[in-house]
Amino acid sequence: MRDKLFNLLLLLSGVGVILVAGGILYALSTESLTAIKEYGLLQFITSTEWSDRSQSFGALPFITGTLMTSLLALLFTIPFSLSVALFTGEYFKGRRVATMVSSLVDLLAGIPSIVYGLWGFYTVRPILVSLNVNAQGFGVLLASIVLAIMIIPYASSLSAEFIGMIPNELKEGVYSLGATRLEVIRHISIPVAGSGIFAAYILAFGRALGETMAVTMLMGNTNNVPLSLRDTGDTMASVIANQFGEASGVKLSALFAIGFLLFLITALINLVAKGVVHRIHK
């Protein structure tokens, strides 16, 4: 009887996950129909105009802003997160200093995004302005830097876990052949843990795609397509947060359509990542 109850609980949990995902997809798609019928899906995605006056709403500025900031943040994240992961999972694994660094990384991962936004506004922005890197004080570069700092703890913590799971016997066998620490990392640690590290970066990238408050505070909140790192703009998540409360009619439907596109982009990235990880394991 206990086994049957446990199996039923597992079945209900699995069905519940499917129902929640299906409910999200259904709600977003049905609420998006008004905007999609009004403009057409292709025009909605490729249009650069977002205007309350003309009642014309296109998603391209926000798609561009989302991809630019997220990809740039991921590019900034890779060297720093991999260094932290190797420090805690390889070089000083099991030592007190690695435990301290891991605890600090976990603490940074739990900080709310709005706190990162405040920190970026009052710390990173003045530095960039003083260096004349970002004369406007806002923009893609500023948002990307803060996003990178936000997702580094996720990527480094997960990567360190996968690196730490490599059997010591495998590395000791390579050391016995005269390999250096760097050679072991290059030819054993990173290749063996490669799929896990890749998955960690995909999860961090997904966090950057959906980030809202920090980007809202730092990117400038304009409806134009950002063409350089110094341009202002908006992302798909932040434009929904900024304009959802006052939206109605076709504009409200357009915001739902942006959320629907963000859902599809995130799902597509996760599917691609799973496919890559599956190929690596094969």
C-alpha atoms as a PDB file:
ATOM      1  CA  MET A   1       0.000   0.000   0.000  1.00  0.00           C
ATOM      2  CA  ARG A   2       2.855   2.408   0.827  1.00  0.00           C
ATOM      3  CA  ASP A   3       4.512   1.693  -2.530  1.00  0.00           C
ATOM      4  CA  LYS A   4       1.231   2.341  -4.333  1.00  0.00           C
ATOM      5  CA  LEU A   5       0.709   5.621  -2.486  1.00  0.00           C
ATOM      6  CA  PHE A   6       4.266   6.701  -3.199  1.00  0.00           C
ATOM      7  CA  ASN A   7       3.911   5.838  -6.890  1.00  0.00           C
ATOM      8  CA  LEU A   8       0.636   7.774  -6.995  1.00  0.00           C
ATOM      9  CA  LEU A   9       2.333  10.772  -5.393  1.00  0.00           C
ATOM     10  CA  LEU A  10       5.099  10.658  -7.993  1.00  0.00           C
ATOM     11  CA  LEU A  11       2.552  10.363 -10.793  1.00  0.00           C
ATOM     12  CA  LEU A  12       0.569  13.331  -9.480  1.00  0.00           C
ATOM     13  CA  SER A  13       3.753  15.383  -9.167  1.00  0.00           C
ATOM     14  CA  GLY A  14       4.734  14.625 -12.751  1.00  0.00           C
ATOM     15  CA  VAL A  15       1.258  15.402 -14.056  1.00  0.00           C
ATOM     16  CA  GLY A  16       1.232  18.593 -11.978  1.00  0.00           C
ATOM     17  CA  VAL A  17       4.417  19.830 -13.623  1.00  0.00           C
ATOM     18  CA  ILE A  18       2.940  19.153 -17.065  1.00  0.00           C
ATOM     19  CA  LEU A  19      -0.290  20.944 -16.146  1.00  0.00           C
ATOM     20  CA  VAL A  20       1.557  23.996 -14.819  1.00  0.00           C
ATOM     21  CA  ALA A  21       3.725  24.254 -17.949  1.00  0.00           C
ATOM     22  CA  GLY A  22       0.684  23.751 -20.158  1.00  0.00           C
ATOM     23  CA  GLY A  23      -1.281  26.359 -18.204  1.00  0.00           C
ATOM     24  CA  ILE A  24       1.500  28.926 -18.606  1.00  0.00           C
ATOM     25  CA  LEU A  25       1.739  28.222 -22.320  1.00  0.00           C
ATOM     26  CA  TYR A  26      -2.034  28.409 -22.756  1.00  0.00           C
ATOM     27  CA  ALA A  27      -2.422  31.667 -20.830  1.00  0.00           C
ATOM     28  CA  LEU A  28       0.414  33.413 -22.674  1.00  0.00           C
ATOM     29  CA  SER A  29      -0.667  32.229 -26.105  1.00  0.00           C
ATOM     30  CA  THR A  30      -4.359  33.094 -25.712  1.00  0.00           C
ATOM     31  CA  GLU A  31      -3.651  36.550 -24.293  1.00  0.00           C
ATOM     32  CA  SER A  32      -1.197  37.181 -27.142  1.00  0.00           C
ATOM     33  CA  LEU A  33      -3.712  36.463 -29.918  1.00  0.00           C
ATOM     34  CA  THR A  34      -5.036  40.019 -30.136  1.00  0.00           C
ATOM     35  CA  ALA A  35      -1.613  41.503 -30.874  1.00  0.00           C
ATOM     36  CA  ILE A  36      -0.600  38.688 -33.205  1.00  0.00           C
ATOM     37  CA  LYS A  37      -3.837  39.028 -35.203  1.00  0.00           C
ATOM     38  CA  GLU A  38      -3.428  42.808 -35.313  1.00  0.00           C
ATOM     39  CA  TYR A  39       0.154  42.887 -36.591  1.00  0.00           C
ATOM     40  CA  GLY A  40       0.987  39.355 -37.674  1.00  0.00           C
ATOM     41  CA  LEU A  41       3.644  37.285 -35.927  1.00  0.00           C
ATOM     42  CA  LEU A  42       6.474  38.126 -38.325  1.00  0.00           C
ATOM     43  CA  GLN A  43       5.753  41.848 -38.309  1.00  0.00           C
ATOM     44  CA  PHE A  44       5.442  41.849 -34.518  1.00  0.00           C
ATOM     45  CA  ILE A  45       8.848  40.223 -34.152  1.00  0.00           C
ATOM     46  CA  THR A  46      10.616  42.389 -36.758  1.00  0.00           C
ATOM     47  CA  SER A  47       8.971  45.767 -36.108  1.00  0.00           C
ATOM     48  CA  THR A  48      11.094  48.369 -34.308  1.00  0.00           C
ATOM     49  CA  GLU A  49       8.238  50.716 -33.390  1.00  0.00           C
ATOM     50  CA  TRP A  50       6.712  50.752 -29.922  1.00  0.00           C
ATOM     51  CA  SER A  51       4.407  53.746 -29.661  1.00  0.00           C
ATOM     52  CA  ASP A  52       1.297  54.463 -27.595  1.00  0.00           C
ATOM     53  CA  ARG A  53       0.348  57.307 -29.940  1.00  0.00           C
ATOM     54  CA  SER A  54       0.153  55.249 -33.098  1.00  0.00           C
ATOM     55  CA  GLN A  55      -0.870  52.110 -31.216  1.00  0.00           C
ATOM     56  CA  SER A  56       1.912  50.271 -33.017  1.00  0.00           C
ATOM     57  CA  PHE A  57       3.867  47.746 -30.992  1.00  0.00           C
ATOM     58  CA  GLY A  58       6.835  45.692 -32.165  1.00  0.00           C
ATOM     59  CA  ALA A  59       9.094  43.421 -30.136  1.00  0.00           C
ATOM     60  CA  LEU A  60      12.422  43.732 -31.984  1.00  0.00           C
ATOM     61  CA  PRO A  61      13.937  46.416 -29.675  1.00  0.00           C
ATOM     62  CA  PHE A  62      13.363  44.236 -26.635  1.00  0.00           C
ATOM     63  CA  ILE A  63      14.454  40.987 -28.272  1.00  0.00           C
ATOM     64  CA  THR A  64      17.672  42.712 -29.337  1.00  0.00           C
ATOM     65  CA  GLY A  65      18.232  44.205 -25.888  1.00  0.00           C
ATOM     66  CA  THR A  66      17.630  40.851 -24.189  1.00  0.00           C
ATOM     67  CA  LEU A  67      20.009  38.912 -26.423  1.00  0.00           C
ATOM     68  CA  MET A  68      22.725  41.593 -26.353  1.00  0.00           C
ATOM     69  CA  THR A  69      22.817  41.927 -22.575  1.00  0.00           C
ATOM     70  CA  SER A  70      22.484  38.193 -21.878  1.00  0.00           C
ATOM     71  CA  LEU A  71      25.110  37.072 -24.381  1.00  0.00           C
ATOM     72  CA  LEU A  72      27.549  39.762 -23.289  1.00  0.00           C
ATOM     73  CA  ALA A  73      26.950  38.876 -19.637  1.00  0.00           C
ATOM     74  CA  LEU A  74      27.627  35.211 -20.433  1.00  0.00           C
ATOM     75  CA  LEU A  75      30.839  36.198 -22.223  1.00  0.00           C
ATOM     76  CA  PHE A  76      31.976  38.134 -19.142  1.00  0.00           C
ATOM     77  CA  THR A  77      30.941  35.268 -16.874  1.00  0.00           C
ATOM     78  CA  ILE A  78      32.868  32.384 -18.444  1.00  0.00           C
ATOM     79  CA  PRO A  79      36.467  33.261 -17.434  1.00  0.00           C
ATOM     80  CA  PHE A  80      35.577  34.391 -13.903  1.00  0.00           C
ATOM     81  CA  SER A  81      33.184  31.557 -13.068  1.00  0.00           C
ATOM     82  CA  LEU A  82      35.515  28.894 -14.465  1.00  0.00           C
ATOM     83  CA  SER A  83      38.387  30.319 -12.410  1.00  0.00           C
ATOM     84  CA  VAL A  84      36.311  30.224  -9.227  1.00  0.00           C
ATOM     85  CA  ALA A  85      35.124  26.692 -10.028  1.00  0.00           C
ATOM     86  CA  LEU A  86      38.687  25.440 -10.525  1.00  0.00           C
ATOM     87  CA  PHE A  87      39.792  27.193  -7.333  1.00  0.00           C
ATOM     88  CA  THR A  88      37.123  25.566  -5.171  1.00  0.00           C
ATOM     89  CA  GLY A  89      36.660  22.266  -7.000  1.00  0.00           C
ATOM     90  CA  GLU A  90      40.225  21.440  -8.067  1.00  0.00           C
ATOM     91  CA  TYR A  91      43.126  23.427  -6.608  1.00  0.00           C
ATOM     92  CA  PHE A  92      41.875  23.830  -3.038  1.00  0.00           C
ATOM     93  CA  LYS A  93      39.190  21.161  -2.902  1.00  0.00           C
ATOM     94  CA  GLY A  94      38.370  20.193   0.699  1.00  0.00           C
ATOM     95  CA  ARG A  95      40.411  23.018   2.243  1.00  0.00           C
ATOM     96  CA  ARG A  96      39.065  25.741   4.484  1.00  0.00           C
ATOM     97  CA  VAL A  97      39.709  28.507   1.967  1.00  0.00           C
ATOM     98  CA  ALA A  98      37.629  26.657  -0.652  1.00  0.00           C
ATOM     99  CA  THR A  99      34.798  26.271   1.857  1.00  0.00           C
ATOM    100  CA  MET A 100      34.923  29.990   2.623  1.00  0.00           C
ATOM    101  CA  VAL A 101      34.869  30.942  -1.054  1.00  0.00           C
ATOM    102  CA  SER A 102      32.013  28.505  -1.748  1.00  0.00           C
ATOM    103  CA  SER A 103      29.994  29.969   1.128  1.00  0.00           C
ATOM    104  CA  LEU A 104      30.590  33.482  -0.201  1.00  0.00           C
ATOM    105  CA  VAL A 105      29.514  32.397  -3.696  1.00  0.00           C
ATOM    106  CA  ASP A 106      26.310  30.880  -2.290  1.00  0.00           C
ATOM    107  CA  LEU A 107      25.659  34.126  -0.405  1.00  0.00           C
ATOM    108  CA  LEU A 108      26.061  36.180  -3.584  1.00  0.00           C
ATOM    109  CA  ALA A 109      23.690  33.840  -5.440  1.00  0.00           C
ATOM    110  CA  GLY A 110      20.959  34.537  -2.883  1.00  0.00           C
ATOM    111  CA  ILE A 111      21.092  38.340  -3.065  1.00  0.00           C
ATOM    112  CA  PRO A 112      17.904  39.816  -4.631  1.00  0.00           C
ATOM    113  CA  SER A 113      18.337  41.293  -8.080  1.00  0.00           C
ATOM    114  CA  ILE A 114      17.147  44.733  -7.000  1.00  0.00           C
ATOM    115  CA  VAL A 115      20.108  44.923  -4.609  1.00  0.00           C
ATOM    116  CA  TYR A 116      22.432  44.239  -7.535  1.00  0.00           C
ATOM    117  CA  GLY A 117      20.625  46.976  -9.432  1.00  0.00           C
ATOM    118  CA  LEU A 118      21.186  49.483  -6.635  1.00  0.00           C
ATOM    119  CA  TRP A 119      24.824  48.483  -6.363  1.00  0.00           C
ATOM    120  CA  GLY A 120      25.333  48.800 -10.109  1.00  0.00           C
ATOM    121  CA  PHE A 121      23.649  52.202 -10.201  1.00  0.00           C
ATOM    122  CA  TYR A 122      25.695  53.729  -7.392  1.00  0.00           C
ATOM    123  CA  THR A 123      29.001  51.879  -7.915  1.00  0.00           C
ATOM    124  CA  VAL A 124      29.541  50.529 -11.439  1.00  0.00           C
ATOM    125  CA  ARG A 125      27.843  53.417 -13.241  1.00  0.00           C
ATOM    126  CA  PRO A 126      30.063  56.176 -11.730  1.00  0.00           C
ATOM    127  CA  ILE A 127      33.167  54.129 -12.532  1.00  0.00           C
ATOM    128  CA  LEU A 128      32.158  53.771 -16.183  1.00  0.00           C
ATOM    129  CA  VAL A 129      31.265  57.450 -16.407  1.00  0.00           C
ATOM    130  CA  SER A 130      34.628  58.477 -14.900  1.00  0.00           C
ATOM    131  CA  LEU A 131      36.405  56.279 -17.456  1.00  0.00           C
ATOM    132  CA  ASN A 132      34.221  57.741 -20.228  1.00  0.00           C
ATOM    133  CA  VAL A 133      33.251  54.188 -21.164  1.00  0.00           C
ATOM    134  CA  ASN A 134      29.590  54.967 -20.902  1.00  0.00           C
ATOM    135  CA  ALA A 135      29.031  58.709 -21.043  1.00  0.00           C
ATOM    136  CA  GLN A 136      25.271  58.388 -20.708  1.00  0.00           C
ATOM    137  CA  GLY A 137      25.547  56.482 -17.439  1.00  0.00           C
ATOM    138  CA  PHE A 138      23.183  53.790 -18.669  1.00  0.00           C
ATOM    139  CA  GLY A 139      23.254  51.241 -21.443  1.00  0.00           C
ATOM    140  CA  VAL A 140      23.891  47.744 -22.608  1.00  0.00           C
ATOM    141  CA  LEU A 141      27.421  47.592 -21.181  1.00  0.00           C
ATOM    142  CA  LEU A 142      26.381  48.608 -17.674  1.00  0.00           C
ATOM    143  CA  ALA A 143      23.464  46.173 -17.587  1.00  0.00           C
ATOM    144  CA  SER A 144      25.652  43.372 -18.975  1.00  0.00           C
ATOM    145  CA  ILE A 145      28.359  43.881 -16.350  1.00  0.00           C
ATOM    146  CA  VAL A 146      25.866  43.713 -13.487  1.00  0.00           C
ATOM    147  CA  LEU A 147      24.094  40.729 -15.066  1.00  0.00           C
ATOM    148  CA  ALA A 148      27.445  38.945 -15.331  1.00  0.00           C
ATOM    149  CA  ILE A 149      28.161  39.567 -11.655  1.00  0.00           C
ATOM    150  CA  MET A 150      24.710  38.193 -10.836  1.00  0.00           C
ATOM    151  CA  ILE A 151      25.100  34.932 -12.765  1.00  0.00           C
ATOM    152  CA  ILE A 152      28.756  34.211 -11.923  1.00  0.00           C
ATOM    153  CA  PRO A 153      27.775  32.555  -8.596  1.00  0.00           C
ATOM    154  CA  TYR A 154      25.335  30.195 -10.368  1.00  0.00           C
ATOM    155  CA  ALA A 155      27.807  29.144 -13.045  1.00  0.00           C
ATOM    156  CA  SER A 156      30.793  28.805 -10.715  1.00  0.00           C
ATOM    157  CA  SER A 157      28.929  26.886  -7.997  1.00  0.00           C
ATOM    158  CA  LEU A 158      27.476  24.320 -10.414  1.00  0.00           C
ATOM    159  CA  SER A 159      30.730  24.003 -12.355  1.00  0.00           C
ATOM    160  CA  ALA A 160      32.661  23.384  -9.128  1.00  0.00           C
ATOM    161  CA  GLU A 161      30.226  20.602  -8.214  1.00  0.00           C
ATOM    162  CA  PHE A 162      30.816  18.821 -11.518  1.00  0.00           C
ATOM    163  CA  ILE A 163      34.577  19.296 -11.346  1.00  0.00           C
ATOM    164  CA  GLY A 164      34.612  17.949  -7.778  1.00  0.00           C
ATOM    165  CA  MET A 165      32.746  14.795  -8.896  1.00  0.00           C
ATOM    166  CA  ILE A 166      35.650  13.618 -11.093  1.00  0.00           C
ATOM    167  CA  PRO A 167      37.151  10.451  -9.524  1.00  0.00           C
ATOM    168  CA  ASN A 168      40.491  11.089  -7.834  1.00  0.00           C
ATOM    169  CA  GLU A 169      41.782   7.767  -9.200  1.00  0.00           C
ATOM    170  CA  LEU A 170      41.480   9.111 -12.734  1.00  0.00           C
ATOM    171  CA  LYS A 171      43.517  12.222 -11.969  1.00  0.00           C
ATOM    172  CA  GLU A 172      46.060  10.355  -9.855  1.00  0.00           C
ATOM    173  CA  GLY A 173      46.677   7.972 -12.737  1.00  0.00           C
ATOM    174  CA  VAL A 174      47.512  10.916 -15.001  1.00  0.00           C
ATOM    175  CA  TYR A 175      49.716  12.494 -12.319  1.00  0.00           C
ATOM    176  CA  SER A 176      51.631   9.226 -12.066  1.00  0.00           C
ATOM    177  CA  LEU A 177      52.530   9.563 -15.741  1.00  0.00           C
ATOM    178  CA  GLY A 178      54.216  12.902 -15.019  1.00  0.00           C
ATOM    179  CA  ALA A 179      51.420  15.309 -15.952  1.00  0.00           C
ATOM    180  CA  THR A 180      51.331  18.772 -14.405  1.00  0.00           C
ATOM    181  CA  ARG A 181      48.315  20.286 -12.663  1.00  0.00           C
ATOM    182  CA  LEU A 182      47.542  22.413 -15.718  1.00  0.00           C
ATOM    183  CA  GLU A 183      47.710  19.372 -18.008  1.00  0.00           C
ATOM    184  CA  VAL A 184      45.336  17.447 -15.751  1.00  0.00           C
ATOM    185  CA  ILE A 185      42.870  20.332 -15.839  1.00  0.00           C
ATOM    186  CA  ARG A 186      43.119  20.715 -19.623  1.00  0.00           C
ATOM    187  CA  HIS A 187      42.981  17.029 -20.528  1.00  0.00           C
ATOM    188  CA  ILE A 188      40.982  15.465 -17.669  1.00  0.00           C
ATOM    189  CA  SER A 189      38.991  17.846 -15.474  1.00  0.00           C
ATOM    190  CA  ILE A 190      37.449  20.110 -18.101  1.00  0.00           C
ATOM    191  CA  PRO A 191      36.744  17.393 -20.723  1.00  0.00           C
ATOM    192  CA  VAL A 192      35.220  14.986 -18.188  1.00  0.00           C
ATOM    193  CA  ALA A 193      33.113  17.673 -16.502  1.00  0.00           C
ATOM    194  CA  GLY A 194      32.489  19.497 -19.776  1.00  0.00           C
ATOM    195  CA  SER A 195      28.832  18.598 -20.183  1.00  0.00           C
ATOM    196  CA  GLY A 196      28.046  19.641 -16.625  1.00  0.00           C
ATOM    197  CA  ILE A 197      29.934  22.914 -17.012  1.00  0.00           C
ATOM    198  CA  PHE A 198      28.065  23.593 -20.250  1.00  0.00           C
ATOM    199  CA  ALA A 199      24.752  22.941 -18.500  1.00  0.00           C
ATOM    200  CA  ALA A 200      25.781  25.339 -15.717  1.00  0.00           C
ATOM    201  CA  TYR A 201      26.386  28.111 -18.250  1.00  0.00           C
ATOM    202  CA  ILE A 202      23.050  27.459 -19.923  1.00  0.00           C
ATOM    203  CA  LEU A 203      21.268  27.780 -16.569  1.00  0.00           C
ATOM    204  CA  ALA A 204      23.150  31.004 -15.885  1.00  0.00           C
ATOM    205  CA  PHE A 205      22.235  32.269 -19.356  1.00  0.00           C
ATOM    206  CA  GLY A 206      18.583  31.479 -18.653  1.00  0.00           C
ATOM    207  CA  ARG A 207      18.797  33.519 -15.451  1.00  0.00           C
ATOM    208  CA  ALA A 208      20.190  36.452 -17.427  1.00  0.00           C
ATOM    209  CA  LEU A 209      17.445  36.193 -20.068  1.00  0.00           C
ATOM    210  CA  GLY A 210      14.681  36.531 -17.506  1.00  0.00           C
ATOM    211  CA  GLU A 211      16.276  39.115 -15.256  1.00  0.00           C
ATOM    212  CA  THR A 212      14.040  42.110 -14.640  1.00  0.00           C
ATOM    213  CA  MET A 213      14.748  44.535 -11.818  1.00  0.00           C
ATOM    214  CA  ALA A 214      18.484  45.034 -12.250  1.00  0.00           C
ATOM    215  CA  VAL A 215      18.093  45.651 -15.982  1.00  0.00           C
ATOM    216  CA  THR A 216      15.150  47.983 -15.354  1.00  0.00           C
ATOM    217  CA  MET A 217      17.327  50.149 -13.125  1.00  0.00           C
ATOM    218  CA  LEU A 218      20.411  50.175 -15.338  1.00  0.00           C
ATOM    219  CA  MET A 219      19.581  49.973 -19.046  1.00  0.00           C
ATOM    220  CA  GLY A 220      17.718  53.234 -19.521  1.00  0.00           C
ATOM    221  CA  ASN A 221      14.198  51.944 -20.314  1.00  0.00           C
ATOM    222  CA  THR A 222      13.930  53.255 -23.871  1.00  0.00           C
ATOM    223  CA  ASN A 223      12.054  51.646 -26.755  1.00  0.00           C
ATOM    224  CA  ASN A 224      14.833  51.921 -29.328  1.00  0.00           C
ATOM    225  CA  VAL A 225      16.937  49.087 -30.757  1.00  0.00           C
ATOM    226  CA  PRO A 226      20.375  49.181 -29.065  1.00  0.00           C
ATOM    227  CA  LEU A 227      23.098  49.128 -31.710  1.00  0.00           C
ATOM    228  CA  SER A 228      26.163  49.572 -29.495  1.00  0.00           C
ATOM    229  CA  LEU A 229      27.253  48.949 -25.925  1.00  0.00           C
ATOM    230  CA  ARG A 230      26.653  52.611 -25.050  1.00  0.00           C
ATOM    231  CA  ASP A 231      23.043  52.702 -26.278  1.00  0.00           C
ATOM    232  CA  THR A 232      20.093  52.647 -23.926  1.00  0.00           C
ATOM    233  CA  GLY A 233      17.307  50.144 -24.393  1.00  0.00           C
ATOM    234  CA  ASP A 234      15.090  47.631 -22.656  1.00  0.00           C
ATOM    235  CA  THR A 235      14.752  43.871 -22.402  1.00  0.00           C
ATOM    236  CA  MET A 236      11.723  41.648 -22.809  1.00  0.00           C
ATOM    237  CA  ALA A 237      11.344  41.075 -19.079  1.00  0.00           C
ATOM    238  CA  SER A 238      11.948  44.681 -18.045  1.00  0.00           C
ATOM    239  CA  VAL A 239       9.523  46.217 -20.565  1.00  0.00           C
ATOM    240  CA  ILE A 240       6.788  43.945 -19.207  1.00  0.00           C
ATOM    241  CA  ALA A 241       7.602  45.008 -15.646  1.00  0.00           C
ATOM    242  CA  ASN A 242       7.719  48.700 -16.589  1.00  0.00           C
ATOM    243  CA  GLN A 243       4.564  48.940 -18.689  1.00  0.00           C
ATOM    244  CA  PHE A 244       2.266  46.104 -17.637  1.00  0.00           C
ATOM    245  CA  GLY A 245       0.488  48.025 -14.880  1.00  0.00           C
ATOM    246  CA  GLU A 246      -0.737  50.820 -17.164  1.00  0.00           C
ATOM    247  CA  ALA A 247      -1.322  48.744 -20.316  1.00  0.00           C
ATOM    248  CA  SER A 248      -4.678  47.822 -21.795  1.00  0.00           C
ATOM    249  CA  GLY A 249      -6.133  46.615 -25.070  1.00  0.00           C
ATOM    250  CA  VAL A 250      -3.708  45.754 -27.828  1.00  0.00           C
ATOM    251  CA  LYS A 251      -0.720  47.003 -25.825  1.00  0.00           C
ATOM    252  CA  LEU A 252      -1.502  44.589 -23.007  1.00  0.00           C
ATOM    253  CA  SER A 253      -1.779  41.789 -25.551  1.00  0.00           C
ATOM    254  CA  ALA A 254       1.561  42.849 -27.041  1.00  0.00           C
ATOM    255  CA  LEU A 255       3.198  42.569 -23.622  1.00  0.00           C
ATOM    256  CA  PHE A 256       1.741  39.082 -23.237  1.00  0.00           C
ATOM    257  CA  ALA A 257       3.127  38.257 -26.692  1.00  0.00           C
ATOM    258  CA  ILE A 258       6.587  39.402 -25.575  1.00  0.00           C
ATOM    259  CA  GLY A 259       6.285  37.132 -22.547  1.00  0.00           C
ATOM    260  CA  PHE A 260       5.237  34.298 -24.843  1.00  0.00           C
ATOM    261  CA  LEU A 261       8.298  34.893 -27.050  1.00  0.00           C
ATOM    262  CA  LEU A 262      10.551  34.945 -23.988  1.00  0.00           C
ATOM    263  CA  PHE A 263       9.038  31.624 -22.903  1.00  0.00           C
ATOM    264  CA  LEU A 264       9.733  30.128 -26.338  1.00  0.00           C
ATOM    265  CA  ILE A 265      13.299  31.485 -26.497  1.00  0.00           C
ATOM    266  CA  THR A 266      14.101  30.067 -23.064  1.00  0.00           C
ATOM    267  CA  ALA A 267      12.558  26.700 -23.945  1.00  0.00           C
ATOM    268  CA  LEU A 268      14.493  26.575 -27.229  1.00  0.00           C
ATOM    269  CA  ILE A 269      17.790  27.331 -25.497  1.00  0.00           C
ATOM    270  CA  ASN A 270      17.140  24.609 -22.923  1.00  0.00           C
ATOM    271  CA  LEU A 271      16.295  22.086 -25.664  1.00  0.00           C
ATOM    272  CA  VAL A 272      19.481  22.927 -27.550  1.00  0.00           C
ATOM    273  CA  ALA A 273      21.501  22.619 -24.350  1.00  0.00           C
ATOM    274  CA  LYS A 274      19.995  19.210 -23.575  1.00  0.00           C
ATOM    275  CA  GLY A 275      20.774  18.070 -27.083  1.00  0.00           C
ATOM    276  CA  VAL A 276      24.402  19.163 -26.787  1.00  0.00           C
ATOM    277  CA  VAL A 277      24.792  17.504 -23.381  1.00  0.00           C
ATOM    278  CA  HIS A 278      23.249  14.294 -24.743  1.00  0.00           C
ATOM    279  CA  ARG A 279      25.699  14.286 -27.669  1.00  0.00           C
ATOM    280  CA  ILE A 280      28.641  14.820 -25.341  1.00  0.00           C
ATOM    281  CA  HIS A 281      27.556  11.888 -23.169  1.00  0.00           C
ATOM    282  CA  LYS A 282      27.195   9.655 -26.233  1.00  0.00           C
END
